[in-house]
Amino acid sequence: LRRRPQTKYQDPDQQIAVKRSDRVRLVKM
């Protein structure tokens, strides 16, 4: 197993700790 610096990896801790406000932005028009 070799980690390449140019490859993007997922971080499960950040995915679990995300909130709705970080993902969705409601805009009133």
mmCIF file of all heavy atoms, coordinates in Angstrom:
data_MODEL
# 
_entry.id   MODEL 
# 
loop_
_atom_site.group_PDB 
_atom_site.id 
_atom_site.type_symbol 
_atom_site.label_atom_id 
_atom_site.label_alt_id 
_atom_site.label_comp_id 
_atom_site.label_asym_id 
_atom_site.label_entity_id 
_atom_site.label_seq_id 
_atom_site.pdbx_PDB_ins_code 
_atom_site.Cartn_x 
_atom_site.Cartn_y 
_atom_site.Cartn_z 
_atom_site.occupancy 
_atom_site.B_iso_or_equiv 
_atom_site.pdbx_formal_charge 
_atom_site.auth_seq_id 
_atom_site.auth_comp_id 
_atom_site.auth_asym_id 
_atom_site.auth_atom_id 
_atom_site.pdbx_PDB_model_num 
ATOM 1   N N   . LEU A 1 1  ? 0.844   -1.197 0.000  1.00 0.00 ? 1  LEU A N   1 
ATOM 2   C CA  . LEU A 1 1  ? 0.000   0.000  0.000  1.00 0.00 ? 1  LEU A CA  1 
ATOM 3   C C   . LEU A 1 1  ? 0.874   1.239  0.000  1.00 0.00 ? 1  LEU A C   1 
ATOM 4   O O   . LEU A 1 1  ? 1.641   1.479  0.924  1.00 0.00 ? 1  LEU A O   1 
ATOM 5   C CB  . LEU A 1 1  ? -0.921  -0.011 1.230  1.00 0.00 ? 1  LEU A CB  1 
ATOM 6   C CG  . LEU A 1 1  ? -1.933  1.127  1.305  1.00 0.00 ? 1  LEU A CG  1 
ATOM 7   C CD1 . LEU A 1 1  ? -2.911  1.060  0.141  1.00 0.00 ? 1  LEU A CD1 1 
ATOM 8   C CD2 . LEU A 1 1  ? -2.671  1.091  2.627  1.00 0.00 ? 1  LEU A CD2 1 
ATOM 9   N N   . ARG A 1 2  ? 0.764   2.004  -1.050 1.00 0.00 ? 2  ARG A N   1 
ATOM 10  C CA  . ARG A 1 2  ? 1.532   3.249  -1.166 1.00 0.00 ? 2  ARG A CA  1 
ATOM 11  C C   . ARG A 1 2  ? 0.558   4.408  -1.371 1.00 0.00 ? 2  ARG A C   1 
ATOM 12  O O   . ARG A 1 2  ? -0.318  4.345  -2.227 1.00 0.00 ? 2  ARG A O   1 
ATOM 13  C CB  . ARG A 1 2  ? 2.501   3.178  -2.349 1.00 0.00 ? 2  ARG A CB  1 
ATOM 14  C CG  . ARG A 1 2  ? 3.570   2.126  -2.201 1.00 0.00 ? 2  ARG A CG  1 
ATOM 15  C CD  . ARG A 1 2  ? 4.562   2.201  -3.356 1.00 0.00 ? 2  ARG A CD  1 
ATOM 16  N NE  . ARG A 1 2  ? 5.586   1.187  -3.236 1.00 0.00 ? 2  ARG A NE  1 
ATOM 17  C CZ  . ARG A 1 2  ? 5.495   -0.018 -3.771 1.00 0.00 ? 2  ARG A CZ  1 
ATOM 18  N NH1 . ARG A 1 2  ? 4.418   -0.353 -4.449 1.00 0.00 ? 2  ARG A NH1 1 
ATOM 19  N NH2 . ARG A 1 2  ? 6.472   -0.891 -3.632 1.00 0.00 ? 2  ARG A NH2 1 
ATOM 20  N N   . ARG A 1 3  ? 0.747   5.445  -0.603 1.00 0.00 ? 3  ARG A N   1 
ATOM 21  C CA  . ARG A 1 3  ? -0.109  6.622  -0.729 1.00 0.00 ? 3  ARG A CA  1 
ATOM 22  C C   . ARG A 1 3  ? 0.584   7.642  -1.636 1.00 0.00 ? 3  ARG A C   1 
ATOM 23  O O   . ARG A 1 3  ? 1.692   8.080  -1.354 1.00 0.00 ? 3  ARG A O   1 
ATOM 24  C CB  . ARG A 1 3  ? -0.403  7.246  0.635  1.00 0.00 ? 3  ARG A CB  1 
ATOM 25  C CG  . ARG A 1 3  ? -1.304  6.386  1.481  1.00 0.00 ? 3  ARG A CG  1 
ATOM 26  C CD  . ARG A 1 3  ? -1.781  7.153  2.708  1.00 0.00 ? 3  ARG A CD  1 
ATOM 27  N NE  . ARG A 1 3  ? -2.778  6.391  3.434  1.00 0.00 ? 3  ARG A NE  1 
ATOM 28  C CZ  . ARG A 1 3  ? -4.073  6.441  3.193  1.00 0.00 ? 3  ARG A CZ  1 
ATOM 29  N NH1 . ARG A 1 3  ? -4.528  7.197  2.219  1.00 0.00 ? 3  ARG A NH1 1 
ATOM 30  N NH2 . ARG A 1 3  ? -4.923  5.734  3.922  1.00 0.00 ? 3  ARG A NH2 1 
ATOM 31  N N   . ARG A 1 4  ? -0.091  8.005  -2.690 1.00 0.00 ? 4  ARG A N   1 
ATOM 32  C CA  . ARG A 1 4  ? 0.449   8.996  -3.612 1.00 0.00 ? 4  ARG A CA  1 
ATOM 33  C C   . ARG A 1 4  ? -0.072  10.373 -3.224 1.00 0.00 ? 4  ARG A C   1 
ATOM 34  O O   . ARG A 1 4  ? -1.250  10.539 -2.918 1.00 0.00 ? 4  ARG A O   1 
ATOM 35  C CB  . ARG A 1 4  ? 0.027   8.664  -5.034 1.00 0.00 ? 4  ARG A CB  1 
ATOM 36  C CG  . ARG A 1 4  ? 0.550   7.315  -5.490 1.00 0.00 ? 4  ARG A CG  1 
ATOM 37  C CD  . ARG A 1 4  ? 0.090   6.980  -6.879 1.00 0.00 ? 4  ARG A CD  1 
ATOM 38  N NE  . ARG A 1 4  ? 0.592   5.675  -7.294 1.00 0.00 ? 4  ARG A NE  1 
ATOM 39  C CZ  . ARG A 1 4  ? 0.264   5.091  -8.442 1.00 0.00 ? 4  ARG A CZ  1 
ATOM 40  N NH1 . ARG A 1 4  ? -0.554  5.695  -9.271 1.00 0.00 ? 4  ARG A NH1 1 
ATOM 41  N NH2 . ARG A 1 4  ? 0.762   3.917  -8.745 1.00 0.00 ? 4  ARG A NH2 1 
ATOM 42  N N   . PRO A 1 5  ? 0.792   11.388 -3.264 1.00 0.00 ? 5  PRO A N   1 
ATOM 43  C CA  . PRO A 1 5  ? 0.341   12.727 -2.808 1.00 0.00 ? 5  PRO A CA  1 
ATOM 44  C C   . PRO A 1 5  ? -0.677  13.363 -3.741 1.00 0.00 ? 5  PRO A C   1 
ATOM 45  O O   . PRO A 1 5  ? -1.498  14.169 -3.306 1.00 0.00 ? 5  PRO A O   1 
ATOM 46  C CB  . PRO A 1 5  ? 1.649   13.536 -2.758 1.00 0.00 ? 5  PRO A CB  1 
ATOM 47  C CG  . PRO A 1 5  ? 2.597   12.789 -3.643 1.00 0.00 ? 5  PRO A CG  1 
ATOM 48  C CD  . PRO A 1 5  ? 2.215   11.347 -3.576 1.00 0.00 ? 5  PRO A CD  1 
ATOM 49  N N   . GLN A 1 6  ? -0.669  13.025 -5.024 1.00 0.00 ? 6  GLN A N   1 
ATOM 50  C CA  . GLN A 1 6  ? -1.602  13.649 -5.950 1.00 0.00 ? 6  GLN A CA  1 
ATOM 51  C C   . GLN A 1 6  ? -2.979  12.973 -5.972 1.00 0.00 ? 6  GLN A C   1 
ATOM 52  O O   . GLN A 1 6  ? -3.903  13.469 -6.612 1.00 0.00 ? 6  GLN A O   1 
ATOM 53  C CB  . GLN A 1 6  ? -1.032  13.664 -7.374 1.00 0.00 ? 6  GLN A CB  1 
ATOM 54  C CG  . GLN A 1 6  ? -0.849  12.284 -7.991 1.00 0.00 ? 6  GLN A CG  1 
ATOM 55  C CD  . GLN A 1 6  ? 0.523   11.709 -7.729 1.00 0.00 ? 6  GLN A CD  1 
ATOM 56  O OE1 . GLN A 1 6  ? 1.212   12.166 -6.820 1.00 0.00 ? 6  GLN A OE1 1 
ATOM 57  N NE2 . GLN A 1 6  ? 0.923   10.738 -8.524 1.00 0.00 ? 6  GLN A NE2 1 
ATOM 58  N N   . THR A 1 7  ? -3.117  11.861 -5.262 1.00 0.00 ? 7  THR A N   1 
ATOM 59  C CA  . THR A 1 7  ? -4.391  11.151 -5.229 1.00 0.00 ? 7  THR A CA  1 
ATOM 60  C C   . THR A 1 7  ? -5.241  11.693 -4.093 1.00 0.00 ? 7  THR A C   1 
ATOM 61  O O   . THR A 1 7  ? -4.755  11.920 -2.985 1.00 0.00 ? 7  THR A O   1 
ATOM 62  C CB  . THR A 1 7  ? -4.166  9.640  -5.037 1.00 0.00 ? 7  THR A CB  1 
ATOM 63  O OG1 . THR A 1 7  ? -3.280  9.180  -6.055 1.00 0.00 ? 7  THR A OG1 1 
ATOM 64  C CG2 . THR A 1 7  ? -5.464  8.878  -5.138 1.00 0.00 ? 7  THR A CG2 1 
ATOM 65  N N   . LYS A 1 8  ? -6.536  11.909 -4.363 1.00 0.00 ? 8  LYS A N   1 
ATOM 66  C CA  . LYS A 1 8  ? -7.458  12.404 -3.349 1.00 0.00 ? 8  LYS A CA  1 
ATOM 67  C C   . LYS A 1 8  ? -8.045  11.220 -2.581 1.00 0.00 ? 8  LYS A C   1 
ATOM 68  O O   . LYS A 1 8  ? -8.476  10.230 -3.173 1.00 0.00 ? 8  LYS A O   1 
ATOM 69  C CB  . LYS A 1 8  ? -8.582  13.203 -4.001 1.00 0.00 ? 8  LYS A CB  1 
ATOM 70  C CG  . LYS A 1 8  ? -8.092  14.476 -4.661 1.00 0.00 ? 8  LYS A CG  1 
ATOM 71  C CD  . LYS A 1 8  ? -9.236  15.254 -5.262 1.00 0.00 ? 8  LYS A CD  1 
ATOM 72  C CE  . LYS A 1 8  ? -8.746  16.545 -5.893 1.00 0.00 ? 8  LYS A CE  1 
ATOM 73  N NZ  . LYS A 1 8  ? -9.864  17.298 -6.515 1.00 0.00 ? 8  LYS A NZ  1 
ATOM 74  N N   . TYR A 1 9  ? -8.062  11.335 -1.267 1.00 0.00 ? 9  TYR A N   1 
ATOM 75  C CA  . TYR A 1 9  ? -8.585  10.286 -0.409 1.00 0.00 ? 9  TYR A CA  1 
ATOM 76  C C   . TYR A 1 9  ? -9.757  10.827 0.406  1.00 0.00 ? 9  TYR A C   1 
ATOM 77  O O   . TYR A 1 9  ? -9.833  12.027 0.679  1.00 0.00 ? 9  TYR A O   1 
ATOM 78  C CB  . TYR A 1 9  ? -7.504  9.769  0.554  1.00 0.00 ? 9  TYR A CB  1 
ATOM 79  C CG  . TYR A 1 9  ? -6.356  9.092  -0.134 1.00 0.00 ? 9  TYR A CG  1 
ATOM 80  C CD1 . TYR A 1 9  ? -5.174  9.777  -0.394 1.00 0.00 ? 9  TYR A CD1 1 
ATOM 81  C CD2 . TYR A 1 9  ? -6.447  7.767  -0.527 1.00 0.00 ? 9  TYR A CD2 1 
ATOM 82  C CE1 . TYR A 1 9  ? -4.121  9.164  -1.034 1.00 0.00 ? 9  TYR A CE1 1 
ATOM 83  C CE2 . TYR A 1 9  ? -5.387  7.135  -1.166 1.00 0.00 ? 9  TYR A CE2 1 
ATOM 84  C CZ  . TYR A 1 9  ? -4.233  7.839  -1.412 1.00 0.00 ? 9  TYR A CZ  1 
ATOM 85  O OH  . TYR A 1 9  ? -3.192  7.223  -2.052 1.00 0.00 ? 9  TYR A OH  1 
ATOM 86  N N   . GLN A 1 10 ? -10.659 9.950  0.783  1.00 0.00 ? 10 GLN A N   1 
ATOM 87  C CA  . GLN A 1 10 ? -11.789 10.323 1.617  1.00 0.00 ? 10 GLN A CA  1 
ATOM 88  C C   . GLN A 1 10 ? -11.432 10.150 3.088  1.00 0.00 ? 10 GLN A C   1 
ATOM 89  O O   . GLN A 1 10 ? -10.736 9.209  3.454  1.00 0.00 ? 10 GLN A O   1 
ATOM 90  C CB  . GLN A 1 10 ? -13.011 9.464  1.279  1.00 0.00 ? 10 GLN A CB  1 
ATOM 91  C CG  . GLN A 1 10 ? -13.536 9.691  -0.124 1.00 0.00 ? 10 GLN A CG  1 
ATOM 92  C CD  . GLN A 1 10 ? -14.753 8.825  -0.404 1.00 0.00 ? 10 GLN A CD  1 
ATOM 93  O OE1 . GLN A 1 10 ? -15.103 7.978  0.395  1.00 0.00 ? 10 GLN A OE1 1 
ATOM 94  N NE2 . GLN A 1 10 ? -15.380 9.054  -1.537 1.00 0.00 ? 10 GLN A NE2 1 
ATOM 95  N N   . ASP A 1 11 ? -11.946 11.068 3.887  1.00 0.00 ? 11 ASP A N   1 
ATOM 96  C CA  . ASP A 1 11 ? -11.755 11.008 5.336  1.00 0.00 ? 11 ASP A CA  1 
ATOM 97  C C   . ASP A 1 11 ? -13.109 10.726 5.974  1.00 0.00 ? 11 ASP A C   1 
ATOM 98  O O   . ASP A 1 11 ? -13.980 11.602 6.011  1.00 0.00 ? 11 ASP A O   1 
ATOM 99  C CB  . ASP A 1 11 ? -11.175 12.324 5.860  1.00 0.00 ? 11 ASP A CB  1 
ATOM 100 C CG  . ASP A 1 11 ? -10.715 12.194 7.309  1.00 0.00 ? 11 ASP A CG  1 
ATOM 101 O OD1 . ASP A 1 11 ? -10.882 11.100 7.890  1.00 0.00 ? 11 ASP A OD1 1 
ATOM 102 O OD2 . ASP A 1 11 ? -10.189 13.180 7.850  1.00 0.00 ? 11 ASP A OD2 1 
ATOM 103 N N   . PRO A 1 12 ? -13.332 9.503  6.465  1.00 0.00 ? 12 PRO A N   1 
ATOM 104 C CA  . PRO A 1 12 ? -14.654 9.187  7.040  1.00 0.00 ? 12 PRO A CA  1 
ATOM 105 C C   . PRO A 1 12 ? -15.007 10.049 8.245  1.00 0.00 ? 12 PRO A C   1 
ATOM 106 O O   . PRO A 1 12 ? -16.187 10.325 8.482  1.00 0.00 ? 12 PRO A O   1 
ATOM 107 C CB  . PRO A 1 12 ? -14.523 7.712  7.434  1.00 0.00 ? 12 PRO A CB  1 
ATOM 108 C CG  . PRO A 1 12 ? -13.410 7.184  6.600  1.00 0.00 ? 12 PRO A CG  1 
ATOM 109 C CD  . PRO A 1 12 ? -12.478 8.323  6.410  1.00 0.00 ? 12 PRO A CD  1 
ATOM 110 N N   . ASP A 1 13 ? -14.011 10.481 9.031  1.00 0.00 ? 13 ASP A N   1 
ATOM 111 C CA  . ASP A 1 13 ? -14.306 11.330 10.199 1.00 0.00 ? 13 ASP A CA  1 
ATOM 112 C C   . ASP A 1 13 ? -14.922 12.661 9.777  1.00 0.00 ? 13 ASP A C   1 
ATOM 113 O O   . ASP A 1 13 ? -15.879 13.140 10.391 1.00 0.00 ? 13 ASP A O   1 
ATOM 114 C CB  . ASP A 1 13 ? -13.029 11.580 11.004 1.00 0.00 ? 13 ASP A CB  1 
ATOM 115 C CG  . ASP A 1 13 ? -12.519 10.301 11.659 1.00 0.00 ? 13 ASP A CG  1 
ATOM 116 O OD1 . ASP A 1 13 ? -13.352 9.410  11.920 1.00 0.00 ? 13 ASP A OD1 1 
ATOM 117 O OD2 . ASP A 1 13 ? -11.302 10.193 11.893 1.00 0.00 ? 13 ASP A OD2 1 
ATOM 118 N N   . GLN A 1 14 ? -14.383 13.252 8.731  1.00 0.00 ? 14 GLN A N   1 
ATOM 119 C CA  . GLN A 1 14 ? -14.945 14.511 8.250  1.00 0.00 ? 14 GLN A CA  1 
ATOM 120 C C   . GLN A 1 14 ? -16.314 14.311 7.612  1.00 0.00 ? 14 GLN A C   1 
ATOM 121 O O   . GLN A 1 14 ? -17.182 15.181 7.703  1.00 0.00 ? 14 GLN A O   1 
ATOM 122 C CB  . GLN A 1 14 ? -13.989 15.153 7.241  1.00 0.00 ? 14 GLN A CB  1 
ATOM 123 C CG  . GLN A 1 14 ? -12.692 15.633 7.868  1.00 0.00 ? 14 GLN A CG  1 
ATOM 124 C CD  . GLN A 1 14 ? -11.782 16.297 6.849  1.00 0.00 ? 14 GLN A CD  1 
ATOM 125 O OE1 . GLN A 1 14 ? -12.140 16.402 5.676  1.00 0.00 ? 14 GLN A OE1 1 
ATOM 126 N NE2 . GLN A 1 14 ? -10.621 16.736 7.308  1.00 0.00 ? 14 GLN A NE2 1 
ATOM 127 N N   . GLN A 1 15 ? -16.521 13.168 6.983  1.00 0.00 ? 15 GLN A N   1 
ATOM 128 C CA  . GLN A 1 15 ? -17.814 12.909 6.370  1.00 0.00 ? 15 GLN A CA  1 
ATOM 129 C C   . GLN A 1 15 ? -18.905 12.729 7.422  1.00 0.00 ? 15 GLN A C   1 
ATOM 130 O O   . GLN A 1 15 ? -20.043 13.153 7.228  1.00 0.00 ? 15 GLN A O   1 
ATOM 131 C CB  . GLN A 1 15 ? -17.733 11.661 5.488  1.00 0.00 ? 15 GLN A CB  1 
ATOM 132 C CG  . GLN A 1 15 ? -16.900 11.866 4.240  1.00 0.00 ? 15 GLN A CG  1 
ATOM 133 C CD  . GLN A 1 15 ? -16.757 10.586 3.439  1.00 0.00 ? 15 GLN A CD  1 
ATOM 134 O OE1 . GLN A 1 15 ? -16.931 9.503  3.968  1.00 0.00 ? 15 GLN A OE1 1 
ATOM 135 N NE2 . GLN A 1 15 ? -16.450 10.728 2.162  1.00 0.00 ? 15 GLN A NE2 1 
ATOM 136 N N   . ILE A 1 16 ? -18.565 12.115 8.536  1.00 0.00 ? 16 ILE A N   1 
ATOM 137 C CA  . ILE A 1 16 ? -19.557 11.895 9.596  1.00 0.00 ? 16 ILE A CA  1 
ATOM 138 C C   . ILE A 1 16 ? -19.840 13.188 10.350 1.00 0.00 ? 16 ILE A C   1 
ATOM 139 O O   . ILE A 1 16 ? -20.977 13.463 10.741 1.00 0.00 ? 16 ILE A O   1 
ATOM 140 C CB  . ILE A 1 16 ? -19.067 10.790 10.554 1.00 0.00 ? 16 ILE A CB  1 
ATOM 141 C CG1 . ILE A 1 16 ? -19.016 9.448  9.821  1.00 0.00 ? 16 ILE A CG1 1 
ATOM 142 C CG2 . ILE A 1 16 ? -19.965 10.673 11.773 1.00 0.00 ? 16 ILE A CG2 1 
ATOM 143 C CD1 . ILE A 1 16 ? -18.366 8.344  10.618 1.00 0.00 ? 16 ILE A CD1 1 
ATOM 144 N N   . ALA A 1 17 ? -18.815 14.008 10.550 1.00 0.00 ? 17 ALA A N   1 
ATOM 145 C CA  . ALA A 1 17 ? -18.977 15.236 11.337 1.00 0.00 ? 17 ALA A CA  1 
ATOM 146 C C   . ALA A 1 17 ? -19.608 16.385 10.566 1.00 0.00 ? 17 ALA A C   1 
ATOM 147 O O   . ALA A 1 17 ? -19.789 17.469 11.123 1.00 0.00 ? 17 ALA A O   1 
ATOM 148 C CB  . ALA A 1 17 ? -17.614 15.679 11.880 1.00 0.00 ? 17 ALA A CB  1 
ATOM 149 N N   . VAL A 1 18 ? -19.979 16.197 9.331  1.00 0.00 ? 18 VAL A N   1 
ATOM 150 C CA  . VAL A 1 18 ? -20.524 17.290 8.533  1.00 0.00 ? 18 VAL A CA  1 
ATOM 151 C C   . VAL A 1 18 ? -21.953 17.610 8.982  1.00 0.00 ? 18 VAL A C   1 
ATOM 152 O O   . VAL A 1 18 ? -22.687 16.748 9.475  1.00 0.00 ? 18 VAL A O   1 
ATOM 153 C CB  . VAL A 1 18 ? -20.485 16.896 7.034  1.00 0.00 ? 18 VAL A CB  1 
ATOM 154 C CG1 . VAL A 1 18 ? -21.555 15.865 6.713  1.00 0.00 ? 18 VAL A CG1 1 
ATOM 155 C CG2 . VAL A 1 18 ? -20.638 18.119 6.164  1.00 0.00 ? 18 VAL A CG2 1 
ATOM 156 N N   . LYS A 1 19 ? -22.349 18.878 8.860  1.00 0.00 ? 19 LYS A N   1 
ATOM 157 C CA  . LYS A 1 19 ? -23.695 19.326 9.212  1.00 0.00 ? 19 LYS A CA  1 
ATOM 158 C C   . LYS A 1 19 ? -24.448 19.738 7.956  1.00 0.00 ? 19 LYS A C   1 
ATOM 159 O O   . LYS A 1 19 ? -23.878 19.891 6.890  1.00 0.00 ? 19 LYS A O   1 
ATOM 160 C CB  . LYS A 1 19 ? -23.612 20.503 10.195 1.00 0.00 ? 19 LYS A CB  1 
ATOM 161 C CG  . LYS A 1 19 ? -22.952 20.133 11.518 1.00 0.00 ? 19 LYS A CG  1 
ATOM 162 C CD  . LYS A 1 19 ? -22.862 21.350 12.422 1.00 0.00 ? 19 LYS A CD  1 
ATOM 163 C CE  . LYS A 1 19 ? -22.156 20.987 13.727 1.00 0.00 ? 19 LYS A CE  1 
ATOM 164 N NZ  . LYS A 1 19 ? -22.003 22.164 14.613 1.00 0.00 ? 19 LYS A NZ  1 
ATOM 165 N N   . ARG A 1 20 ? -25.748 19.952 8.164  1.00 0.00 ? 20 ARG A N   1 
ATOM 166 C CA  . ARG A 1 20 ? -26.562 20.319 7.017  1.00 0.00 ? 20 ARG A CA  1 
ATOM 167 C C   . ARG A 1 20 ? -26.188 21.680 6.464  1.00 0.00 ? 20 ARG A C   1 
ATOM 168 O O   . ARG A 1 20 ? -26.184 21.901 5.265  1.00 0.00 ? 20 ARG A O   1 
ATOM 169 C CB  . ARG A 1 20 ? -28.047 20.303 7.423  1.00 0.00 ? 20 ARG A CB  1 
ATOM 170 C CG  . ARG A 1 20 ? -28.978 20.518 6.246  1.00 0.00 ? 20 ARG A CG  1 
ATOM 171 C CD  . ARG A 1 20 ? -30.413 20.574 6.685  1.00 0.00 ? 20 ARG A CD  1 
ATOM 172 N NE  . ARG A 1 20 ? -30.646 21.772 7.487  1.00 0.00 ? 20 ARG A NE  1 
ATOM 173 C CZ  . ARG A 1 20 ? -31.838 22.159 7.931  1.00 0.00 ? 20 ARG A CZ  1 
ATOM 174 N NH1 . ARG A 1 20 ? -32.896 21.419 7.685  1.00 0.00 ? 20 ARG A NH1 1 
ATOM 175 N NH2 . ARG A 1 20 ? -31.971 23.249 8.645  1.00 0.00 ? 20 ARG A NH2 1 
ATOM 176 N N   . SER A 1 21 ? -25.828 22.575 7.374  1.00 0.00 ? 21 SER A N   1 
ATOM 177 C CA  . SER A 1 21 ? -25.472 23.920 6.911  1.00 0.00 ? 21 SER A CA  1 
ATOM 178 C C   . SER A 1 21 ? -24.186 23.927 6.098  1.00 0.00 ? 21 SER A C   1 
ATOM 179 O O   . SER A 1 21 ? -23.951 24.831 5.303  1.00 0.00 ? 21 SER A O   1 
ATOM 180 C CB  . SER A 1 21 ? -25.330 24.862 8.115  1.00 0.00 ? 21 SER A CB  1 
ATOM 181 O OG  . SER A 1 21 ? -24.334 24.364 8.999  1.00 0.00 ? 21 SER A OG  1 
ATOM 182 N N   . ASP A 1 22 ? -23.326 22.912 6.301  1.00 0.00 ? 22 ASP A N   1 
ATOM 183 C CA  . ASP A 1 22 ? -22.104 22.832 5.507  1.00 0.00 ? 22 ASP A CA  1 
ATOM 184 C C   . ASP A 1 22 ? -22.365 22.329 4.098  1.00 0.00 ? 22 ASP A C   1 
ATOM 185 O O   . ASP A 1 22 ? -21.576 22.606 3.186  1.00 0.00 ? 22 ASP A O   1 
ATOM 186 C CB  . ASP A 1 22 ? -21.098 21.905 6.193  1.00 0.00 ? 22 ASP A CB  1 
ATOM 187 C CG  . ASP A 1 22 ? -20.701 22.409 7.570  1.00 0.00 ? 22 ASP A CG  1 
ATOM 188 O OD1 . ASP A 1 22 ? -20.754 23.634 7.780  1.00 0.00 ? 22 ASP A OD1 1 
ATOM 189 O OD2 . ASP A 1 22 ? -20.345 21.562 8.413  1.00 0.00 ? 22 ASP A OD2 1 
ATOM 190 N N   . ARG A 1 23 ? -23.438 21.588 3.919  1.00 0.00 ? 23 ARG A N   1 
ATOM 191 C CA  . ARG A 1 23 ? -23.728 20.981 2.621  1.00 0.00 ? 23 ARG A CA  1 
ATOM 192 C C   . ARG A 1 23 ? -24.731 21.787 1.787  1.00 0.00 ? 23 ARG A C   1 
ATOM 193 O O   . ARG A 1 23 ? -24.568 21.927 0.595  1.00 0.00 ? 23 ARG A O   1 
ATOM 194 C CB  . ARG A 1 23 ? -24.302 19.566 2.827  1.00 0.00 ? 23 ARG A CB  1 
ATOM 195 C CG  . ARG A 1 23 ? -23.342 18.600 3.466  1.00 0.00 ? 23 ARG A CG  1 
ATOM 196 C CD  . ARG A 1 23 ? -22.296 18.146 2.517  1.00 0.00 ? 23 ARG A CD  1 
ATOM 197 N NE  . ARG A 1 23 ? -21.445 17.114 3.086  1.00 0.00 ? 23 ARG A NE  1 
ATOM 198 C CZ  . ARG A 1 23 ? -20.401 16.610 2.475  1.00 0.00 ? 23 ARG A CZ  1 
ATOM 199 N NH1 . ARG A 1 23 ? -20.046 17.064 1.300  1.00 0.00 ? 23 ARG A NH1 1 
ATOM 200 N NH2 . ARG A 1 23 ? -19.665 15.689 3.053  1.00 0.00 ? 23 ARG A NH2 1 
ATOM 201 N N   . VAL A 1 24 ? -25.775 22.287 2.457  1.00 0.00 ? 24 VAL A N   1 
ATOM 202 C CA  . VAL A 1 24 ? -26.881 22.921 1.735  1.00 0.00 ? 24 VAL A CA  1 
ATOM 203 C C   . VAL A 1 24 ? -26.975 24.383 2.158  1.00 0.00 ? 24 VAL A C   1 
ATOM 204 O O   . VAL A 1 24 ? -26.926 24.707 3.350  1.00 0.00 ? 24 VAL A O   1 
ATOM 205 C CB  . VAL A 1 24 ? -28.208 22.186 2.028  1.00 0.00 ? 24 VAL A CB  1 
ATOM 206 C CG1 . VAL A 1 24 ? -29.360 22.843 1.274  1.00 0.00 ? 24 VAL A CG1 1 
ATOM 207 C CG2 . VAL A 1 24 ? -28.092 20.723 1.652  1.00 0.00 ? 24 VAL A CG2 1 
ATOM 208 N N   . ARG A 1 25 ? -27.140 25.258 1.204  1.00 0.00 ? 25 ARG A N   1 
ATOM 209 C CA  . ARG A 1 25 ? -27.330 26.689 1.472  1.00 0.00 ? 25 ARG A CA  1 
ATOM 210 C C   . ARG A 1 25 ? -28.650 27.115 0.846  1.00 0.00 ? 25 ARG A C   1 
ATOM 211 O O   . ARG A 1 25 ? -28.843 26.993 -0.365 1.00 0.00 ? 25 ARG A O   1 
ATOM 212 C CB  . ARG A 1 25 ? -26.174 27.507 0.882  1.00 0.00 ? 25 ARG A CB  1 
ATOM 213 C CG  . ARG A 1 25 ? -26.254 28.992 1.215  1.00 0.00 ? 25 ARG A CG  1 
ATOM 214 C CD  . ARG A 1 25 ? -24.940 29.678 0.924  1.00 0.00 ? 25 ARG A CD  1 
ATOM 215 N NE  . ARG A 1 25 ? -24.551 29.561 -0.464 1.00 0.00 ? 25 ARG A NE  1 
ATOM 216 C CZ  . ARG A 1 25 ? -24.818 30.505 -1.384 1.00 0.00 ? 25 ARG A CZ  1 
ATOM 217 N NH1 . ARG A 1 25 ? -25.489 31.603 -1.061 1.00 0.00 ? 25 ARG A NH1 1 
ATOM 218 N NH2 . ARG A 1 25 ? -24.417 30.342 -2.628 1.00 0.00 ? 25 ARG A NH2 1 
ATOM 219 N N   . LEU A 1 26 ? -29.566 27.525 1.685  1.00 0.00 ? 26 LEU A N   1 
ATOM 220 C CA  . LEU A 1 26 ? -30.883 27.957 1.215  1.00 0.00 ? 26 LEU A CA  1 
ATOM 221 C C   . LEU A 1 26 ? -30.830 29.428 0.819  1.00 0.00 ? 26 LEU A C   1 
ATOM 222 O O   . LEU A 1 26 ? -30.380 30.287 1.600  1.00 0.00 ? 26 LEU A O   1 
ATOM 223 C CB  . LEU A 1 26 ? -31.938 27.740 2.291  1.00 0.00 ? 26 LEU A CB  1 
ATOM 224 C CG  . LEU A 1 26 ? -32.151 26.282 2.723  1.00 0.00 ? 26 LEU A CG  1 
ATOM 225 C CD1 . LEU A 1 26 ? -33.161 26.215 3.859  1.00 0.00 ? 26 LEU A CD1 1 
ATOM 226 C CD2 . LEU A 1 26 ? -32.623 25.459 1.552  1.00 0.00 ? 26 LEU A CD2 1 
ATOM 227 N N   . VAL A 1 27 ? -31.257 29.721 -0.356 1.00 0.00 ? 27 VAL A N   1 
ATOM 228 C CA  . VAL A 1 27 ? -31.250 31.086 -0.874 1.00 0.00 ? 27 VAL A CA  1 
ATOM 229 C C   . VAL A 1 27 ? -32.678 31.493 -1.148 1.00 0.00 ? 27 VAL A C   1 
ATOM 230 O O   . VAL A 1 27 ? -33.423 30.790 -1.852 1.00 0.00 ? 27 VAL A O   1 
ATOM 231 C CB  . VAL A 1 27 ? -30.408 31.178 -2.163 1.00 0.00 ? 27 VAL A CB  1 
ATOM 232 C CG1 . VAL A 1 27 ? -30.461 32.612 -2.731 1.00 0.00 ? 27 VAL A CG1 1 
ATOM 233 C CG2 . VAL A 1 27 ? -28.987 30.749 -1.898 1.00 0.00 ? 27 VAL A CG2 1 
ATOM 234 N N   . LYS A 1 28 ? -33.136 32.623 -0.568 1.00 0.00 ? 28 LYS A N   1 
ATOM 235 C CA  . LYS A 1 28 ? -34.473 33.131 -0.802 1.00 0.00 ? 28 LYS A CA  1 
ATOM 236 C C   . LYS A 1 28 ? -34.442 34.174 -1.916 1.00 0.00 ? 28 LYS A C   1 
ATOM 237 O O   . LYS A 1 28 ? -33.680 35.142 -1.852 1.00 0.00 ? 28 LYS A O   1 
ATOM 238 C CB  . LYS A 1 28 ? -35.041 33.761 0.476  1.00 0.00 ? 28 LYS A CB  1 
ATOM 239 C CG  . LYS A 1 28 ? -35.305 32.739 1.574  1.00 0.00 ? 28 LYS A CG  1 
ATOM 240 C CD  . LYS A 1 28 ? -35.950 33.395 2.767  1.00 0.00 ? 28 LYS A CD  1 
ATOM 241 C CE  . LYS A 1 28 ? -36.220 32.370 3.856  1.00 0.00 ? 28 LYS A CE  1 
ATOM 242 N NZ  . LYS A 1 28 ? -36.871 32.975 5.039  1.00 0.00 ? 28 LYS A NZ  1 
ATOM 243 N N   . MET A 1 29 ? -35.270 33.968 -2.895 1.00 0.00 ? 29 MET A N   1 
ATOM 244 C CA  . MET A 1 29 ? -35.338 34.884 -4.031 1.00 0.00 ? 29 MET A CA  1 
ATOM 245 C C   . MET A 1 29 ? -36.794 35.244 -4.288 1.00 0.00 ? 29 MET A C   1 
ATOM 246 O O   . MET A 1 29 ? -37.683 34.403 -4.100 1.00 0.00 ? 29 MET A O   1 
ATOM 247 C CB  . MET A 1 29 ? -34.746 34.227 -5.298 1.00 0.00 ? 29 MET A CB  1 
ATOM 248 C CG  . MET A 1 29 ? -33.260 33.912 -5.184 1.00 0.00 ? 29 MET A CG  1 
ATOM 249 S SD  . MET A 1 29 ? -32.613 33.116 -6.647 1.00 0.00 ? 29 MET A SD  1 
ATOM 250 C CE  . MET A 1 29 ? -32.924 34.393 -7.859 1.00 0.00 ? 29 MET A CE  1 
# 
